[in-house]
Structure formats: structure tokens, C-alpha cells
Amino acid sequence: METKVGVKEFRAHLPSYLESVSPIAITRHGETIGYYIPARQGRNQAELDALKQAAAKLEAMMSDLGASEDDIVADFKARRATDKQ
């Protein structure tokens, strides 16, 4: 069964629809005007494993430095403010 969504809903929720693995019929006033057909079938296991490894490395680096997520966000904001000047 295909998913049908209106143009406004499709635009409003575009990021989640782009992650979809099944085709979506896009409608206007109840009539299908087009289809979104995903080009890839979601993330494969190798991509997920690589992402998990990267996250583990980042956590280890943060732990070694004694840095928290809040510290990194604060540093990022400070750097961003400096770059704008």
C-alpha cells in the first residue's frame, strides 16, 4: 500500500520523508500529481557500524580530554562568535 500525502504535508515533513524507504504519492486536492521514489534503501549495516565506531572514538577522545558535551558546545559557540567579528 502506497503512502499518500498532500503537497503541504510533504513540504512540512520533507526531512522525514527523505529518510523513507518506500515510495510516496504526492497529492493536490486529492489527485496524485507526482511520486517521491527513494534512490537508496536506507542505511546499510556497514554505514551504521562506521557511525557507531566514529561515535565511540569521539566519546573516548572526550573522556581522555575530560571534556563534556556542554564544554564542546560552549567552545563551538565561542569560536563562532569570534569568527563573526
PDB file of N, CA and C in Angstrom:
ATOM      1  N   MET A   1       0.838  -1.175   0.000  1.00  0.00           N
ATOM      2  CA  MET A   1       0.000   0.000   0.000  1.00  0.00           C
ATOM      3  C   MET A   1       0.889   1.246   0.000  1.00  0.00           C
ATOM      4  N   GLU A   2       0.653   2.157  -0.929  1.00  0.00           N
ATOM      5  CA  GLU A   2       1.472   3.358  -1.009  1.00  0.00           C
ATOM      6  C   GLU A   2       0.981   4.423  -0.035  1.00  0.00           C
ATOM      7  N   THR A   3       1.913   5.245   0.390  1.00  0.00           N
ATOM      8  CA  THR A   3       1.578   6.357   1.266  1.00  0.00           C
ATOM      9  C   THR A   3       1.202   7.546   0.405  1.00  0.00           C
ATOM     10  N   LYS A   4       0.105   8.213   0.753  1.00  0.00           N
ATOM     11  CA  LYS A   4      -0.317   9.409   0.031  1.00  0.00           C
ATOM     12  C   LYS A   4      -0.267  10.591   0.983  1.00  0.00           C
ATOM     13  N   VAL A   5       0.339  11.689   0.531  1.00  0.00           N
ATOM     14  CA  VAL A   5       0.393  12.908   1.331  1.00  0.00           C
ATOM     15  C   VAL A   5       0.138  14.109   0.434  1.00  0.00           C
ATOM     16  N   GLY A   6      -0.433  15.140   1.018  1.00  0.00           N
ATOM     17  CA  GLY A   6      -0.649  16.380   0.289  1.00  0.00           C
ATOM     18  C   GLY A   6       0.653  17.153   0.140  1.00  0.00           C
ATOM     19  N   VAL A   7       0.671  18.083  -0.792  1.00  0.00           N
ATOM     20  CA  VAL A   7       1.864  18.881  -1.062  1.00  0.00           C
ATOM     21  C   VAL A   7       2.326  19.618   0.194  1.00  0.00           C
ATOM     22  N   LYS A   8       1.393  20.235   0.910  1.00  0.00           N
ATOM     23  CA  LYS A   8       1.769  20.991   2.114  1.00  0.00           C
ATOM     24  C   LYS A   8       2.392  20.085   3.168  1.00  0.00           C
ATOM     25  N   GLU A   9       1.799  18.930   3.376  1.00  0.00           N
ATOM     26  CA  GLU A   9       2.350  17.994   4.363  1.00  0.00           C
ATOM     27  C   GLU A   9       3.717  17.500   3.918  1.00  0.00           C
ATOM     28  N   PHE A  10       3.868  17.210   2.624  1.00  0.00           N
ATOM     29  CA  PHE A  10       5.146  16.738   2.099  1.00  0.00           C
ATOM     30  C   PHE A  10       6.236  17.780   2.358  1.00  0.00           C
ATOM     31  N   ARG A  11       5.946  19.037   2.078  1.00  0.00           N
ATOM     32  CA  ARG A  11       6.918  20.110   2.332  1.00  0.00           C
ATOM     33  C   ARG A  11       7.220  20.238   3.818  1.00  0.00           C
ATOM     34  N   ALA A  12       6.187  20.196   4.632  1.00  0.00           N
ATOM     35  CA  ALA A  12       6.359  20.391   6.073  1.00  0.00           C
ATOM     36  C   ALA A  12       7.190  19.287   6.719  1.00  0.00           C
ATOM     37  N   HIS A  13       7.087  18.081   6.203  1.00  0.00           N
ATOM     38  CA  HIS A  13       7.787  16.936   6.796  1.00  0.00           C
ATOM     39  C   HIS A  13       8.842  16.359   5.858  1.00  0.00           C
ATOM     40  N   LEU A  14       9.368  17.193   4.967  1.00  0.00           N
ATOM     41  CA  LEU A  14      10.319  16.722   3.963  1.00  0.00           C
ATOM     42  C   LEU A  14      11.491  15.931   4.540  1.00  0.00           C
ATOM     43  N   PRO A  15      12.154  16.397   5.609  1.00  0.00           N
ATOM     44  CA  PRO A  15      13.291  15.621   6.117  1.00  0.00           C
ATOM     45  C   PRO A  15      12.937  14.174   6.473  1.00  0.00           C
ATOM     46  N   SER A  16      11.789  13.963   7.084  1.00  0.00           N
ATOM     47  CA  SER A  16      11.427  12.587   7.444  1.00  0.00           C
ATOM     48  C   SER A  16      11.050  11.778   6.205  1.00  0.00           C
ATOM     49  N   TYR A  17      10.416  12.413   5.235  1.00  0.00           N
ATOM     50  CA  TYR A  17      10.076  11.690   4.002  1.00  0.00           C
ATOM     51  C   TYR A  17      11.330  11.328   3.210  1.00  0.00           C
ATOM     52  N   LEU A  18      12.370  12.162   3.278  1.00  0.00           N
ATOM     53  CA  LEU A  18      13.610  11.855   2.567  1.00  0.00           C
ATOM     54  C   LEU A  18      14.310  10.635   3.153  1.00  0.00           C
ATOM     55  N   GLU A  19      14.038  10.326   4.405  1.00  0.00           N
ATOM     56  CA  GLU A  19      14.603   9.135   5.044  1.00  0.00           C
ATOM     57  C   GLU A  19      13.765   7.890   4.783  1.00  0.00           C
ATOM     58  N   SER A  20      12.613   8.065   4.181  1.00  0.00           N
ATOM     59  CA  SER A  20      11.707   6.956   3.917  1.00  0.00           C
ATOM     60  C   SER A  20      12.335   5.963   2.942  1.00  0.00           C
ATOM     61  N   VAL A  21      11.938   4.715   3.043  1.00  0.00           N
ATOM     62  CA  VAL A  21      12.423   3.701   2.109  1.00  0.00           C
ATOM     63  C   VAL A  21      11.338   3.251   1.137  1.00  0.00           C
ATOM     64  N   SER A  22      10.134   3.790   1.279  1.00  0.00           N
ATOM     65  CA  SER A  22       9.049   3.396   0.379  1.00  0.00           C
ATOM     66  C   SER A  22       8.548   4.607  -0.404  1.00  0.00           C
ATOM     67  N   PRO A  23       8.040   4.381  -1.608  1.00  0.00           N
ATOM     68  CA  PRO A  23       7.539   5.484  -2.439  1.00  0.00           C
ATOM     69  C   PRO A  23       6.373   6.217  -1.773  1.00  0.00           C
ATOM     70  N   ILE A  24       6.252   7.490  -2.102  1.00  0.00           N
ATOM     71  CA  ILE A  24       5.191   8.326  -1.554  1.00  0.00           C
ATOM     72  C   ILE A  24       4.486   9.016  -2.711  1.00  0.00           C
ATOM     73  N   ALA A  25       3.161   8.911  -2.745  1.00  0.00           N
ATOM     74  CA  ALA A  25       2.370   9.632  -3.742  1.00  0.00           C
ATOM     75  C   ALA A  25       2.076  11.017  -3.187  1.00  0.00           C
ATOM     76  N   ILE A  26       2.354  12.037  -3.977  1.00  0.00           N
ATOM     77  CA  ILE A  26       2.108  13.415  -3.555  1.00  0.00           C
ATOM     78  C   ILE A  26       0.838  13.887  -4.247  1.00  0.00           C
ATOM     79  N   THR A  27      -0.097  14.399  -3.442  1.00  0.00           N
ATOM     80  CA  THR A  27      -1.406  14.769  -3.986  1.00  0.00           C
ATOM     81  C   THR A  27      -1.684  16.260  -3.823  1.00  0.00           C
ATOM     82  N   ARG A  28      -2.553  16.736  -4.705  1.00  0.00           N
ATOM     83  CA  ARG A  28      -3.079  18.101  -4.593  1.00  0.00           C
ATOM     84  C   ARG A  28      -4.576  17.996  -4.804  1.00  0.00           C
ATOM     85  N   HIS A  29      -5.326  18.449  -3.822  1.00  0.00           N
ATOM     86  CA  HIS A  29      -6.792  18.379  -3.871  1.00  0.00           C
ATOM     87  C   HIS A  29      -7.272  16.947  -4.143  1.00  0.00           C
ATOM     88  N   GLY A  30      -6.574  15.975  -3.534  1.00  0.00           N
ATOM     89  CA  GLY A  30      -6.986  14.584  -3.636  1.00  0.00           C
ATOM     90  C   GLY A  30      -6.498  13.840  -4.864  1.00  0.00           C
ATOM     91  N   GLU A  31      -5.868  14.530  -5.815  1.00  0.00           N
ATOM     92  CA  GLU A  31      -5.377  13.872  -7.028  1.00  0.00           C
ATOM     93  C   GLU A  31      -3.859  13.753  -6.976  1.00  0.00           C
ATOM     94  N   THR A  32      -3.353  12.594  -7.366  1.00  0.00           N
ATOM     95  CA  THR A  32      -1.915  12.371  -7.366  1.00  0.00           C
ATOM     96  C   THR A  32      -1.272  13.224  -8.453  1.00  0.00           C
ATOM     97  N   ILE A  33      -0.274  14.028  -8.034  1.00  0.00           N
ATOM     98  CA  ILE A  33       0.423  14.883  -9.002  1.00  0.00           C
ATOM     99  C   ILE A  33       1.870  14.448  -9.209  1.00  0.00           C
ATOM    100  N   GLY A  34       2.342  13.524  -8.382  1.00  0.00           N
ATOM    101  CA  GLY A  34       3.710  13.043  -8.532  1.00  0.00           C
ATOM    102  C   GLY A  34       4.044  12.012  -7.479  1.00  0.00           C
ATOM    103  N   TYR A  35       5.245  11.473  -7.615  1.00  0.00           N
ATOM    104  CA  TYR A  35       5.722  10.456  -6.683  1.00  0.00           C
ATOM    105  C   TYR A  35       7.124  10.807  -6.225  1.00  0.00           C
ATOM    106  N   TYR A  36       7.407  10.523  -4.967  1.00  0.00           N
ATOM    107  CA  TYR A  36       8.773  10.572  -4.469  1.00  0.00           C
ATOM    108  C   TYR A  36       9.206   9.121  -4.330  1.00  0.00           C
ATOM    109  N   ILE A  37      10.261   8.764  -5.055  1.00  0.00           N
ATOM    110  CA  ILE A  37      10.765   7.392  -5.014  1.00  0.00           C
ATOM    111  C   ILE A  37      12.198   7.442  -4.497  1.00  0.00           C
ATOM    112  N   PRO A  38      12.446   6.917  -3.302  1.00  0.00           N
ATOM    113  CA  PRO A  38      13.794   6.954  -2.727  1.00  0.00           C
ATOM    114  C   PRO A  38      14.796   6.222  -3.609  1.00  0.00           C
ATOM    115  N   ALA A  39      15.980   6.796  -3.748  1.00  0.00           N
ATOM    116  CA  ALA A  39      17.011   6.197  -4.588  1.00  0.00           C
ATOM    117  C   ALA A  39      17.774   5.095  -3.863  1.00  0.00           C
ATOM    118  N   ARG A  40      17.814   5.163  -2.543  1.00  0.00           N
ATOM    119  CA  ARG A  40      18.527   4.116  -1.807  1.00  0.00           C
ATOM    120  C   ARG A  40      17.621   3.543  -0.733  1.00  0.00           C
ATOM    121  N   GLN A  41      17.933   2.377  -0.317  1.00  0.00           N
ATOM    122  CA  GLN A  41      17.079   1.648   0.614  1.00  0.00           C
ATOM    123  C   GLN A  41      17.543   1.795   2.057  1.00  0.00           C
ATOM    124  N   GLY A  42      17.736   3.007   2.504  1.00  0.00           N
ATOM    125  CA  GLY A  42      18.133   3.227   3.892  1.00  0.00           C
ATOM    126  C   GLY A  42      19.604   2.951   4.106  1.00  0.00           C
ATOM    127  N   ARG A  43      20.035   3.104   5.313  1.00  0.00           N
ATOM    128  CA  ARG A  43      21.441   2.876   5.643  1.00  0.00           C
ATOM    129  C   ARG A  43      21.714   1.376   5.706  1.00  0.00           C
ATOM    130  N   ASN A  44      22.865   1.009   5.157  1.00  0.00           N
ATOM    131  CA  ASN A  44      23.219  -0.398   5.261  1.00  0.00           C
ATOM    132  C   ASN A  44      23.997  -0.634   6.553  1.00  0.00           C
ATOM    133  N   GLN A  45      24.225  -1.864   6.876  1.00  0.00           N
ATOM    134  CA  GLN A  45      24.855  -2.213   8.148  1.00  0.00           C
ATOM    135  C   GLN A  45      26.263  -1.652   8.251  1.00  0.00           C
ATOM    136  N   ALA A  46      27.014  -1.625   7.146  1.00  0.00           N
ATOM    137  CA  ALA A  46      28.380  -1.102   7.184  1.00  0.00           C
ATOM    138  C   ALA A  46      28.383   0.380   7.562  1.00  0.00           C
ATOM    139  N   GLU A  47      27.426   1.143   7.019  1.00  0.00           N
ATOM    140  CA  GLU A  47      27.332   2.561   7.365  1.00  0.00           C
ATOM    141  C   GLU A  47      27.001   2.741   8.845  1.00  0.00           C
ATOM    142  N   LEU A  48      26.079   1.939   9.346  1.00  0.00           N
ATOM    143  CA  LEU A  48      25.707   2.025  10.762  1.00  0.00           C
ATOM    144  C   LEU A  48      26.878   1.654  11.663  1.00  0.00           C
ATOM    145  N   ASP A  49      27.623   0.614  11.285  1.00  0.00           N
ATOM    146  CA  ASP A  49      28.787   0.210  12.073  1.00  0.00           C
ATOM    147  C   ASP A  49      29.846   1.309  12.087  1.00  0.00           C
ATOM    148  N   ALA A  50      30.085   1.942  10.930  1.00  0.00           N
ATOM    149  CA  ALA A  50      31.064   3.028  10.847  1.00  0.00           C
ATOM    150  C   ALA A  50      30.633   4.207  11.712  1.00  0.00           C
ATOM    151  N   LEU A  51      29.350   4.506  11.702  1.00  0.00           N
ATOM    152  CA  LEU A  51      28.832   5.598  12.523  1.00  0.00           C
ATOM    153  C   LEU A  51      29.005   5.292  14.014  1.00  0.00           C
ATOM    154  N   LYS A  52      28.740   4.051  14.400  1.00  0.00           N
ATOM    155  CA  LYS A  52      28.918   3.654  15.803  1.00  0.00           C
ATOM    156  C   LYS A  52      30.386   3.733  16.218  1.00  0.00           C
ATOM    157  N   GLN A  53      31.293   3.327  15.307  1.00  0.00           N
ATOM    158  CA  GLN A  53      32.727   3.408  15.602  1.00  0.00           C
ATOM    159  C   GLN A  53      33.167   4.857  15.776  1.00  0.00           C
ATOM    160  N   ALA A  54      32.687   5.730  14.903  1.00  0.00           N
ATOM    161  CA  ALA A  54      33.039   7.150  14.997  1.00  0.00           C
ATOM    162  C   ALA A  54      32.538   7.737  16.312  1.00  0.00           C
ATOM    163  N   ALA A  55      31.336   7.374  16.707  1.00  0.00           N
ATOM    164  CA  ALA A  55      30.778   7.869  17.969  1.00  0.00           C
ATOM    165  C   ALA A  55      31.604   7.368  19.156  1.00  0.00           C
ATOM    166  N   ALA A  56      32.028   6.112  19.104  1.00  0.00           N
ATOM    167  CA  ALA A  56      32.838   5.552  20.188  1.00  0.00           C
ATOM    168  C   ALA A  56      34.191   6.262  20.274  1.00  0.00           C
ATOM    169  N   LYS A  57      34.798   6.545  19.115  1.00  0.00           N
ATOM    170  CA  LYS A  57      36.079   7.263  19.107  1.00  0.00           C
ATOM    171  C   LYS A  57      35.917   8.667  19.679  1.00  0.00           C
ATOM    172  N   LEU A  58      34.841   9.331  19.302  1.00  0.00           N
ATOM    173  CA  LEU A  58      34.586  10.677  19.817  1.00  0.00           C
ATOM    174  C   LEU A  58      34.407  10.650  21.332  1.00  0.00           C
ATOM    175  N   GLU A  59      33.653   9.685  21.829  1.00  0.00           N
ATOM    176  CA  GLU A  59      33.453   9.566  23.278  1.00  0.00           C
ATOM    177  C   GLU A  59      34.775   9.318  23.991  1.00  0.00           C
ATOM    178  N   ALA A  60      35.639   8.469  23.406  1.00  0.00           N
ATOM    179  CA  ALA A  60      36.936   8.182  24.014  1.00  0.00           C
ATOM    180  C   ALA A  60      37.810   9.432  24.042  1.00  0.00           C
ATOM    181  N   MET A  61      37.817  10.190  22.948  1.00  0.00           N
ATOM    182  CA  MET A  61      38.606  11.425  22.897  1.00  0.00           C
ATOM    183  C   MET A  61      38.112  12.424  23.934  1.00  0.00           C
ATOM    184  N   MET A  62      36.805  12.557  24.045  1.00  0.00           N
ATOM    185  CA  MET A  62      36.233  13.480  25.026  1.00  0.00           C
ATOM    186  C   MET A  62      36.598  13.050  26.440  1.00  0.00           C
ATOM    187  N   SER A  63      36.549  11.758  26.688  1.00  0.00           N
ATOM    188  CA  SER A  63      36.879  11.232  28.013  1.00  0.00           C
ATOM    189  C   SER A  63      38.349  11.493  28.342  1.00  0.00           C
ATOM    190  N   ASP A  64      39.239  11.246  27.362  1.00  0.00           N
ATOM    191  CA  ASP A  64      40.671  11.481  27.566  1.00  0.00           C
ATOM    192  C   ASP A  64      40.958  12.944  27.890  1.00  0.00           C
ATOM    193  N   LEU A  65      40.201  13.844  27.277  1.00  0.00           N
ATOM    194  CA  LEU A  65      40.404  15.279  27.496  1.00  0.00           C
ATOM    195  C   LEU A  65      39.627  15.805  28.697  1.00  0.00           C
ATOM    196  N   GLY A  66      38.760  14.977  29.246  1.00  0.00           N
ATOM    197  CA  GLY A  66      37.920  15.415  30.353  1.00  0.00           C
ATOM    198  C   GLY A  66      36.890  16.443  29.913  1.00  0.00           C
ATOM    199  N   ALA A  67      36.472  16.350  28.658  1.00  0.00           N
ATOM    200  CA  ALA A  67      35.521  17.320  28.099  1.00  0.00           C
ATOM    201  C   ALA A  67      34.118  16.728  28.073  1.00  0.00           C
ATOM    202  N   SER A  68      33.154  17.597  28.327  1.00  0.00           N
ATOM    203  CA  SER A  68      31.754  17.175  28.252  1.00  0.00           C
ATOM    204  C   SER A  68      31.139  17.727  26.971  1.00  0.00           C
ATOM    205  N   GLU A  69      29.945  17.264  26.663  1.00  0.00           N
ATOM    206  CA  GLU A  69      29.229  17.798  25.501  1.00  0.00           C
ATOM    207  C   GLU A  69      28.988  19.290  25.674  1.00  0.00           C
ATOM    208  N   ASP A  70      28.672  19.703  26.901  1.00  0.00           N
ATOM    209  CA  ASP A  70      28.441  21.126  27.175  1.00  0.00           C
ATOM    210  C   ASP A  70      29.704  21.951  26.922  1.00  0.00           C
ATOM    211  N   ASP A  71      30.871  21.397  27.279  1.00  0.00           N
ATOM    212  CA  ASP A  71      32.138  22.097  27.028  1.00  0.00           C
ATOM    213  C   ASP A  71      32.354  22.301  25.530  1.00  0.00           C
ATOM    214  N   ILE A  72      32.080  21.275  24.765  1.00  0.00           N
ATOM    215  CA  ILE A  72      32.285  21.354  23.316  1.00  0.00           C
ATOM    216  C   ILE A  72      31.328  22.356  22.692  1.00  0.00           C
ATOM    217  N   VAL A  73      30.084  22.337  23.121  1.00  0.00           N
ATOM    218  CA  VAL A  73      29.103  23.298  22.600  1.00  0.00           C
ATOM    219  C   VAL A  73      29.528  24.719  22.956  1.00  0.00           C
ATOM    220  N   ALA A  74      29.984  24.928  24.176  1.00  0.00           N
ATOM    221  CA  ALA A  74      30.431  26.261  24.597  1.00  0.00           C
ATOM    222  C   ALA A  74      31.629  26.717  23.768  1.00  0.00           C
ATOM    223  N   ASP A  75      32.586  25.814  23.531  1.00  0.00           N
ATOM    224  CA  ASP A  75      33.747  26.152  22.701  1.00  0.00           C
ATOM    225  C   ASP A  75      33.320  26.491  21.277  1.00  0.00           C
ATOM    226  N   PHE A  76      32.396  25.718  20.752  1.00  0.00           N
ATOM    227  CA  PHE A  76      31.900  25.959  19.395  1.00  0.00           C
ATOM    228  C   PHE A  76      31.249  27.335  19.298  1.00  0.00           C
ATOM    229  N   LYS A  77      30.407  27.657  20.271  1.00  0.00           N
ATOM    230  CA  LYS A  77      29.727  28.961  20.261  1.00  0.00           C
ATOM    231  C   LYS A  77      30.733  30.101  20.384  1.00  0.00           C
ATOM    232  N   ALA A  78      31.740  29.928  21.235  1.00  0.00           N
ATOM    233  CA  ALA A  78      32.759  30.966  21.398  1.00  0.00           C
ATOM    234  C   ALA A  78      33.541  31.155  20.103  1.00  0.00           C
ATOM    235  N   ARG A  79      33.903  30.066  19.468  1.00  0.00           N
ATOM    236  CA  ARG A  79      34.645  30.140  18.197  1.00  0.00           C
ATOM    237  C   ARG A  79      33.799  30.791  17.117  1.00  0.00           C
ATOM    238  N   ARG A  80      32.563  30.445  17.078  1.00  0.00           N
ATOM    239  CA  ARG A  80      31.646  31.003  16.085  1.00  0.00           C
ATOM    240  C   ARG A  80      31.498  32.514  16.284  1.00  0.00           C
ATOM    241  N   ALA A  81      31.392  32.941  17.533  1.00  0.00           N
ATOM    242  CA  ALA A  81      31.279  34.369  17.836  1.00  0.00           C
ATOM    243  C   ALA A  81      32.554  35.105  17.431  1.00  0.00           C
ATOM    244  N   THR A  82      33.707  34.490  17.664  1.00  0.00           N
ATOM    245  CA  THR A  82      34.987  35.086  17.286  1.00  0.00           C
ATOM    246  C   THR A  82      35.099  35.204  15.767  1.00  0.00           C
ATOM    247  N   ASP A  83      34.662  34.186  15.050  1.00  0.00           N
ATOM    248  CA  ASP A  83      34.739  34.190  13.584  1.00  0.00           C
ATOM    249  C   ASP A  83      33.840  35.245  12.960  1.00  0.00           C
ATOM    250  N   LYS A  84      32.756  35.600  13.629  1.00  0.00           N
ATOM    251  CA  LYS A  84      31.823  36.598  13.095  1.00  0.00           C
ATOM    252  C   LYS A  84      32.372  38.010  13.222  1.00  0.00           C
ATOM    253  N   GLN A  85      33.358  38.189  14.098  1.00  0.00           N
ATOM    254  CA  GLN A  85      33.894  39.542  14.330  1.00  0.00           C
ATOM    255  C   GLN A  85      34.897  39.932  13.286  1.00  0.00           C
TER     256      GLN A  85
END
